[in-house]
């Protein structure tokens, strides 16, 4: 099995090192192609207005001067011209990617890019929250989570989002398949300040986003100490609204 590893924290991120350990136990044909620098919050952005550069860091390890989407795109078009990967693993992100985080996450978006190309993809993230446990839960539980996922055929244009709770590995309560939750981003923090030159600046994302732990969601699962597994789809159509809108535009 040929596996491509990527992330949004950068090729030198601690989570990438953990993911490389995990992937090495699954295959001896593991490749890395990740952003050269951190791209948290980059979403599914693609670099169009400047060149993207590829740098080799040893056997089958590459970095890209661009976004997670750039990294996966360039890997597919340049590194795998003869044989594409069988699986793409994105992560392990330093911090959870739950609920509406998926719309901002470069970790999720890298997996989305693989799904667009018809390749099975899994995004993995480790909740931290100053737990002092680092990636312990992910290191211990990732293989248990990935084995069933890899063995299950994925529908086209879908991916799987996995989040590990901020707990010691032995305190993780198990694995729970859950739906995507909801964050209340309307109450997100905004910090204002003045730089040394006297110009105002604004900083997002310094405080936790409020959320409700609705039953059956990924937020609830991770909060309760479980590894959350959430299947996602790339079709964003709200099918229930098609009929109503069609009636509005009917001649």
Protein backbone atom coordinates (compact mmCIF):
# COMPACT_ATOMS: atom_id res chain seq x y z
CA UNK A 1 0.00 0.00 0.00
CA UNK A 2 1.41 3.37 -1.04
CA UNK A 3 0.62 6.06 1.55
CA UNK A 4 1.02 9.82 1.21
CA UNK A 5 1.34 11.84 4.41
CA UNK A 6 0.63 15.56 4.58
CA UNK A 7 -0.58 18.16 7.10
CA UNK A 8 -1.10 21.87 7.68
CA UNK A 9 1.38 22.31 10.55
CA UNK A 10 4.42 21.89 8.30
CA UNK A 11 6.78 19.06 7.49
CA UNK A 12 8.82 19.56 10.69
CA UNK A 13 5.79 19.55 13.02
CA UNK A 14 5.76 17.05 15.92
CA UNK A 15 2.46 15.62 14.71
CA UNK A 16 4.03 14.71 11.38
CA UNK A 17 6.76 12.76 13.15
CA UNK A 18 4.10 10.80 15.03
CA UNK A 19 2.16 10.16 11.82
CA UNK A 20 5.31 8.88 10.11
CA UNK A 21 5.78 6.36 12.94
CA UNK A 22 2.20 5.18 12.58
CA UNK A 23 2.35 4.93 8.79
CA UNK A 24 5.62 2.98 8.91
CA UNK A 25 3.78 0.21 10.75
CA UNK A 26 1.20 0.07 7.94
CA UNK A 27 3.47 0.11 4.89
CA UNK A 28 7.05 0.35 3.69
CA UNK A 29 5.99 2.63 0.82
CA UNK A 30 5.34 5.87 2.72
CA UNK A 31 5.80 9.33 1.19
CA UNK A 32 5.63 12.77 2.79
CA UNK A 33 4.67 15.94 0.96
CA UNK A 34 3.68 18.74 3.31
CA UNK A 35 3.83 22.53 3.54
CA UNK A 36 7.23 23.97 4.37
CA UNK A 37 5.65 26.25 7.00
CA UNK A 38 2.59 26.17 9.23
CA UNK A 39 -0.68 26.75 7.36
CA UNK A 40 -3.27 26.42 10.10
CA UNK A 41 -6.60 27.91 9.02
CA UNK A 42 -5.62 27.86 5.35
CA UNK A 43 -8.73 25.89 4.47
CA UNK A 44 -8.95 24.59 0.92
CA UNK A 45 -6.94 27.45 -0.54
CA UNK A 46 -4.84 26.96 -3.66
CA UNK A 47 -1.86 29.16 -4.58
CA UNK A 48 -2.51 30.76 -7.97
CA UNK A 49 -0.66 34.10 -8.01
CA UNK A 50 2.91 32.96 -7.34
CA UNK A 51 5.06 29.91 -8.10
CA UNK A 52 5.14 26.95 -5.71
CA UNK A 53 8.46 25.26 -5.02
CA UNK A 54 9.22 21.65 -4.12
CA UNK A 55 12.13 20.76 -1.85
CA UNK A 56 13.44 17.27 -1.11
CA UNK A 57 14.33 16.37 2.50
CA UNK A 58 15.58 12.83 1.95
CA UNK A 59 14.09 9.68 0.51
CA UNK A 60 10.38 10.18 -0.27
CA UNK A 61 10.15 13.32 1.93
CA UNK A 62 9.25 16.65 0.34
CA UNK A 63 8.05 20.08 1.39
CA UNK A 64 6.09 22.63 -0.63
CA UNK A 65 6.16 26.42 -0.34
CA UNK A 66 2.39 26.62 -0.29
CA UNK A 67 -0.80 25.39 1.30
CA UNK A 68 -1.87 21.84 2.22
CA UNK A 69 -3.94 21.77 -0.97
CA UNK A 70 -0.85 22.78 -2.96
CA UNK A 71 1.15 19.99 -1.32
CA UNK A 72 -1.34 17.26 -2.23
CA UNK A 73 -1.85 18.67 -5.72
CA UNK A 74 1.86 18.87 -6.45
CA UNK A 75 2.48 15.40 -5.05
CA UNK A 76 -0.16 13.89 -7.33
CA UNK A 77 1.05 15.71 -10.43
CA UNK A 78 4.82 15.54 -9.91
CA UNK A 79 5.73 12.72 -7.54
CA UNK A 80 3.18 10.09 -8.50
CA UNK A 81 2.99 10.26 -12.26
CA UNK A 82 3.32 6.48 -12.62
CA UNK A 83 1.52 5.16 -9.53
CA UNK A 84 -0.83 7.19 -7.32
CA UNK A 85 -1.11 6.61 -3.56
CA UNK A 86 -3.64 4.11 -2.25
CA UNK A 87 -4.28 6.23 0.84
CA UNK A 88 -3.70 9.80 2.05
CA UNK A 89 -3.29 10.55 5.76
CA UNK A 90 -3.36 14.20 6.83
CA UNK A 91 -2.12 15.27 10.26
CA UNK A 92 -1.64 14.66 13.02
CA UNK A 93 -2.85 18.18 13.68
CA UNK A 94 -1.83 19.94 16.90
CA UNK A 95 -5.35 20.73 18.11
CA UNK A 96 -8.74 19.26 17.36
CA UNK A 97 -10.65 19.78 14.12
CA UNK A 98 -14.24 19.34 15.22
CA UNK A 99 -17.62 20.62 14.11
CA UNK A 100 -17.37 23.70 11.85
CA UNK A 101 -13.57 23.68 12.20
CA UNK A 102 -13.58 21.56 9.07
CA UNK A 103 -14.40 24.61 6.94
CA UNK A 104 -11.20 26.36 8.06
CA UNK A 105 -8.88 23.43 8.56
CA UNK A 106 -5.95 22.85 6.23
CA UNK A 107 -5.68 19.36 7.69
CA UNK A 108 -9.19 18.49 6.54
CA UNK A 109 -8.71 20.29 3.22
CA UNK A 110 -5.65 18.23 2.34
CA UNK A 111 -7.77 15.11 2.79
CA UNK A 112 -10.52 16.74 0.74
CA UNK A 113 -8.09 17.25 -2.13
CA UNK A 114 -7.30 13.55 -2.08
CA UNK A 115 -11.00 12.69 -2.04
CA UNK A 116 -11.52 14.92 -5.08
CA UNK A 117 -8.93 12.79 -6.87
CA UNK A 118 -10.75 9.61 -5.88
CA UNK A 119 -8.20 8.50 -3.29
CA UNK A 120 -9.27 7.34 0.21
CA UNK A 121 -8.27 9.93 2.78
CA UNK A 122 -8.27 10.31 6.55
CA UNK A 123 -7.64 13.51 8.51
CA UNK A 124 -6.28 13.05 12.04
CA UNK A 125 -6.13 15.64 14.82
CA UNK A 126 -5.08 15.57 18.46
CA UNK A 127 -6.92 17.71 21.01
CA UNK A 128 -4.40 19.30 23.36
CA UNK A 129 -6.01 21.94 25.61
CA UNK A 130 -2.95 22.16 27.86
CA UNK A 131 -3.47 18.55 28.93
CA UNK A 132 0.27 17.87 29.09
CA UNK A 133 -0.31 14.60 27.22
CA UNK A 134 0.86 15.77 23.80
CA UNK A 135 0.18 13.20 21.09
CA UNK A 136 0.02 10.23 23.48
CA UNK A 137 -3.59 9.33 22.65
CA UNK A 138 -2.99 9.56 18.91
CA UNK A 139 0.20 7.49 19.08
CA UNK A 140 -1.55 4.70 20.98
CA UNK A 141 -4.96 4.73 19.30
CA UNK A 142 -4.29 5.67 15.67
CA UNK A 143 -3.58 2.13 14.46
CA UNK A 144 -6.79 0.87 16.12
CA UNK A 145 -8.78 3.55 14.36
CA UNK A 146 -7.14 3.29 10.96
CA UNK A 147 -7.35 -0.50 10.55
CA UNK A 148 -11.17 -0.64 10.26
CA UNK A 149 -11.26 2.54 8.14
CA UNK A 150 -8.70 1.21 5.68
CA UNK A 151 -10.61 -2.04 5.47
CA UNK A 152 -13.90 -0.29 4.64
CA UNK A 153 -14.49 0.88 1.05
CA UNK A 154 -15.15 4.63 1.00
CA UNK A 155 -17.87 6.15 -1.11
CA UNK A 156 -16.66 8.49 -3.84
CA UNK A 157 -15.94 12.09 -2.80
CA UNK A 158 -15.92 11.27 0.90
CA UNK A 159 -13.27 11.27 3.62
CA UNK A 160 -13.01 10.45 7.32
CA UNK A 161 -12.24 12.93 10.10
CA UNK A 162 -10.62 11.48 13.25
CA UNK A 163 -10.03 13.38 16.50
CA UNK A 164 -8.19 12.10 19.57
CA UNK A 165 -9.18 13.43 23.02
CA UNK A 166 -6.79 15.34 25.26
CA UNK A 167 -6.20 12.44 27.62
CA UNK A 168 -3.53 9.96 28.54
CA UNK A 169 -3.69 6.97 26.21
CA UNK A 170 -4.92 4.63 28.95
CA UNK A 171 -7.72 7.06 29.86
CA UNK A 172 -9.26 7.10 26.37
CA UNK A 173 -12.65 5.41 26.69
CA UNK A 174 -12.86 3.99 23.19
CA UNK A 175 -13.88 4.96 19.65
CA UNK A 176 -17.20 6.58 18.75
CA UNK A 177 -18.57 7.21 15.26
CA UNK A 178 -20.29 10.60 15.44
CA UNK A 179 -21.82 13.29 13.27
CA UNK A 180 -20.34 16.75 12.79
CA UNK A 181 -21.21 19.19 15.56
CA UNK A 182 -21.76 22.95 15.56
CA UNK A 183 -19.69 25.85 16.89
CA UNK A 184 -21.12 29.28 17.67
CA UNK A 185 -18.64 31.40 15.73
CA UNK A 186 -20.72 34.55 16.23
CA UNK A 187 -19.16 34.82 19.69
CA UNK A 188 -15.56 34.31 18.63
CA UNK A 189 -12.94 36.55 20.18
CA UNK A 190 -11.36 39.58 18.54
CA UNK A 191 -8.30 41.12 20.16
CA UNK A 192 -7.40 44.67 19.14
CA UNK A 193 -4.06 46.34 19.68
CA UNK A 194 -1.54 48.82 18.35
CA UNK A 195 1.80 47.82 16.84
CA UNK A 196 5.10 49.60 17.62
CA UNK A 197 4.53 51.94 14.66
CA UNK A 198 1.20 53.08 16.06
CA UNK A 199 -0.97 51.20 13.57
CA UNK A 200 -4.01 49.23 14.76
CA UNK A 201 -4.15 45.46 14.34
CA UNK A 202 -6.68 42.71 14.99
CA UNK A 203 -6.04 39.11 16.04
CA UNK A 204 -8.50 36.24 15.67
CA UNK A 205 -8.67 32.86 17.36
CA UNK A 206 -6.98 33.56 20.69
CA UNK A 207 -9.86 32.21 22.78
CA UNK A 208 -11.84 28.98 22.58
CA UNK A 209 -15.01 29.03 20.48
CA UNK A 210 -18.24 28.33 22.36
CA UNK A 211 -20.10 25.18 21.41
CA UNK A 212 -22.94 22.98 22.55
CA UNK A 213 -22.40 19.30 23.18
CA UNK A 214 -25.39 18.03 21.23
CA UNK A 215 -25.89 14.30 21.57
CA UNK A 216 -24.18 12.18 18.94
CA UNK A 217 -21.71 14.82 17.76
CA UNK A 218 -17.94 14.74 17.42
CA UNK A 219 -17.74 17.51 20.04
CA UNK A 220 -19.55 15.36 22.59
CA UNK A 221 -17.48 12.27 21.79
CA UNK A 222 -14.11 13.98 22.30
CA UNK A 223 -15.36 15.84 25.38
CA UNK A 224 -16.41 12.49 26.87
CA UNK A 225 -12.97 11.02 26.25
CA UNK A 226 -13.60 9.05 23.07
CA UNK A 227 -11.81 9.10 19.73
CA UNK A 228 -14.33 10.57 17.30
CA UNK A 229 -14.69 9.20 13.78
CA UNK A 230 -16.81 11.29 11.39
CA UNK A 231 -17.42 10.52 7.71
CA UNK A 232 -17.58 13.69 5.61
CA UNK A 233 -18.79 14.33 2.08
CA UNK A 234 -17.74 16.92 -0.48
CA UNK A 235 -21.26 17.47 -1.81
CA UNK A 236 -22.40 20.59 0.08
CA UNK A 237 -25.79 20.72 -1.62
CA UNK A 238 -28.71 21.14 0.78
CA UNK A 239 -30.94 18.73 -1.07
CA UNK A 240 -34.03 19.47 1.04
CA UNK A 241 -34.05 23.06 -0.26
CA UNK A 242 -33.89 22.22 -3.96
CA UNK A 243 -37.65 21.74 -4.34
CA UNK A 244 -38.52 24.96 -2.49
CA UNK A 245 -36.10 27.06 -4.54
CA UNK A 246 -37.18 25.40 -7.77
CA UNK A 247 -40.78 26.43 -7.02
CA UNK A 248 -39.63 30.05 -6.51
CA UNK A 249 -38.05 30.11 -9.96
CA UNK A 250 -40.76 28.17 -11.78
CA UNK A 251 -42.22 30.05 -14.79
